[in-house]
C-alpha atoms as a PDB file:
ATOM      1  CA  UNK A   1       2.228   1.025 -13.634  1.00  0.00           C
ATOM      2  CA  UNK A   2      -0.365  -1.482 -12.380  1.00  0.00           C
ATOM      3  CA  UNK A   3      -3.137  -0.502 -14.802  1.00  0.00           C
ATOM      4  CA  UNK A   4      -0.976  -1.008 -17.937  1.00  0.00           C
ATOM      5  CA  UNK A   5       0.482  -4.184 -16.376  1.00  0.00           C
ATOM      6  CA  UNK A   6      -2.956  -5.686 -15.722  1.00  0.00           C
ATOM      7  CA  UNK A   7      -4.226  -4.652 -19.168  1.00  0.00           C
ATOM      8  CA  UNK A   8      -1.281  -6.264 -20.966  1.00  0.00           C
ATOM      9  CA  UNK A   9      -1.552  -9.444 -18.895  1.00  0.00           C
ATOM     10  CA  UNK A  10      -5.314  -9.672 -19.508  1.00  0.00           C
ATOM     11  CA  UNK A  11      -4.902  -9.150 -23.253  1.00  0.00           C
ATOM     12  CA  UNK A  12      -2.191 -11.790 -23.394  1.00  0.00           C
ATOM     13  CA  UNK A  13      -4.510 -14.235 -21.614  1.00  0.00           C
ATOM     14  CA  UNK A  14      -7.349 -13.330 -23.987  1.00  0.00           C
ATOM     15  CA  UNK A  15      -5.092 -14.296 -26.871  1.00  0.00           C
ATOM     16  CA  UNK A  16      -4.615 -17.674 -25.196  1.00  0.00           C
ATOM     17  CA  UNK A  17      -0.948 -17.100 -24.436  1.00  0.00           C
ATOM     18  CA  UNK A  18       0.753 -18.178 -21.234  1.00  0.00           C
ATOM     19  CA  UNK A  19       0.867 -15.426 -18.638  1.00  0.00           C
ATOM     20  CA  UNK A  20       0.416 -14.742 -14.955  1.00  0.00           C
ATOM     21  CA  UNK A  21      -3.084 -14.048 -13.582  1.00  0.00           C
ATOM     22  CA  UNK A  22      -4.125 -10.435 -14.227  1.00  0.00           C
ATOM     23  CA  UNK A  23      -4.943  -9.992 -10.556  1.00  0.00           C
ATOM     24  CA  UNK A  24      -1.593 -11.299  -9.298  1.00  0.00           C
ATOM     25  CA  UNK A  25      -0.609  -9.747  -5.980  1.00  0.00           C
ATOM     26  CA  UNK A  26       2.509  -7.626  -6.114  1.00  0.00           C
ATOM     27  CA  UNK A  27       4.227  -6.018  -3.161  1.00  0.00           C
ATOM     28  CA  UNK A  28       2.843  -2.847  -1.604  1.00  0.00           C
ATOM     29  CA  UNK A  29       6.416  -1.514  -1.713  1.00  0.00           C
ATOM     30  CA  UNK A  30       6.658   0.285  -5.094  1.00  0.00           C
ATOM     31  CA  UNK A  31      10.343  -0.535  -5.524  1.00  0.00           C
ATOM     32  CA  UNK A  32       9.785  -4.249  -4.966  1.00  0.00           C
ATOM     33  CA  UNK A  33       6.559  -4.266  -7.014  1.00  0.00           C
ATOM     34  CA  UNK A  34       8.505  -2.837  -9.952  1.00  0.00           C
ATOM     35  CA  UNK A  35      11.009  -5.670  -9.840  1.00  0.00           C
ATOM     36  CA  UNK A  36       8.216  -8.224  -9.489  1.00  0.00           C
ATOM     37  CA  UNK A  37       6.280  -6.771 -12.431  1.00  0.00           C
ATOM     38  CA  UNK A  38       9.420  -6.769 -14.568  1.00  0.00           C
ATOM     39  CA  UNK A  39      10.047 -10.420 -13.700  1.00  0.00           C
ATOM     40  CA  UNK A  40       6.549 -11.728 -14.468  1.00  0.00           C
ATOM     41  CA  UNK A  41       5.072  -9.147 -16.825  1.00  0.00           C
ATOM     42  CA  UNK A  42       4.689  -9.501 -20.590  1.00  0.00           C
ATOM     43  CA  UNK A  43       7.990  -7.916 -21.604  1.00  0.00           C
ATOM     44  CA  UNK A  44      11.035  -9.522 -23.139  1.00  0.00           C
ATOM     45  CA  UNK A  45      14.439 -10.117 -21.575  1.00  0.00           C
ATOM     46  CA  UNK A  46      16.022  -7.025 -23.113  1.00  0.00           C
ATOM     47  CA  UNK A  47      13.292  -4.819 -21.669  1.00  0.00           C
ATOM     48  CA  UNK A  48      13.656  -6.599 -18.324  1.00  0.00           C
ATOM     49  CA  UNK A  49      17.360  -5.736 -18.412  1.00  0.00           C
ATOM     50  CA  UNK A  50      16.541  -2.091 -19.207  1.00  0.00           C
ATOM     51  CA  UNK A  51      14.310  -2.003 -16.135  1.00  0.00           C
ATOM     52  CA  UNK A  52      17.021  -3.519 -13.938  1.00  0.00           C
ATOM     53  CA  UNK A  53      19.582  -1.035 -15.254  1.00  0.00           C
ATOM     54  CA  UNK A  54      17.336   1.976 -14.562  1.00  0.00           C
ATOM     55  CA  UNK A  55      18.295   3.930 -11.451  1.00  0.00           C
ATOM     56  CA  UNK A  56      15.600   4.836  -8.968  1.00  0.00           C
ATOM     57  CA  UNK A  57      12.229   3.261  -8.261  1.00  0.00           C
ATOM     58  CA  UNK A  58      10.243   6.130  -9.789  1.00  0.00           C
ATOM     59  CA  UNK A  59      12.123   5.927 -13.084  1.00  0.00           C
ATOM     60  CA  UNK A  60      11.809   2.124 -13.128  1.00  0.00           C
ATOM     61  CA  UNK A  61       8.054   2.335 -12.569  1.00  0.00           C
ATOM     62  CA  UNK A  62       7.715   4.984 -15.266  1.00  0.00           C
ATOM     63  CA  UNK A  63       9.652   2.799 -17.718  1.00  0.00           C
ATOM     64  CA  UNK A  64       7.545  -0.232 -16.814  1.00  0.00           C
ATOM     65  CA  UNK A  65       4.336   1.712 -17.381  1.00  0.00           C
ATOM     66  CA  UNK A  66       5.578   2.728 -20.837  1.00  0.00           C
ATOM     67  CA  UNK A  67       6.664  -0.817 -21.709  1.00  0.00           C
ATOM     68  CA  UNK A  68       3.381  -2.342 -20.554  1.00  0.00           C
ATOM     69  CA  UNK A  69       1.382   0.339 -22.407  1.00  0.00           C
ATOM     70  CA  UNK A  70       3.276  -0.455 -25.606  1.00  0.00           C
ATOM     71  CA  UNK A  71       2.856  -4.207 -25.160  1.00  0.00           C
ATOM     72  CA  UNK A  72      -0.837  -3.728 -24.409  1.00  0.00           C
ATOM     73  CA  UNK A  73      -1.265  -1.764 -27.634  1.00  0.00           C
ATOM     74  CA  UNK A  74       0.468  -4.518 -29.630  1.00  0.00           C
ATOM     75  CA  UNK A  75      -1.666  -7.210 -28.004  1.00  0.00           C
ATOM     76  CA  UNK A  76      -4.869  -5.205 -28.578  1.00  0.00           C
ATOM     77  CA  UNK A  77      -3.976  -4.777 -32.247  1.00  0.00           C
ATOM     78  CA  UNK A  78      -3.434  -8.526 -32.552  1.00  0.00           C
ATOM     79  CA  UNK A  79      -6.851  -9.149 -30.999  1.00  0.00           C
ATOM     80  CA  UNK A  80      -8.512  -6.686 -33.356  1.00  0.00           C
ATOM     81  CA  UNK A  81      -6.730  -8.053 -36.409  1.00  0.00           C
END
């Protein structure tokens, strides 16, 4: 989850959009890190709610990785365009 998170955050910064630092420290506890990433990462409120409604840390982290991958792809396309 961290690699797609950092990629999406870095791409957002490269576009000049407000975001957290790409090297932000998140908790070593995967469950807590998932909530932190959902709170500060480049996803919208509906996706944040999906993360919160997902049962289990592993499933939340998997969903976050997917969401950040998708957002990273969108941001990369905007940079290329």
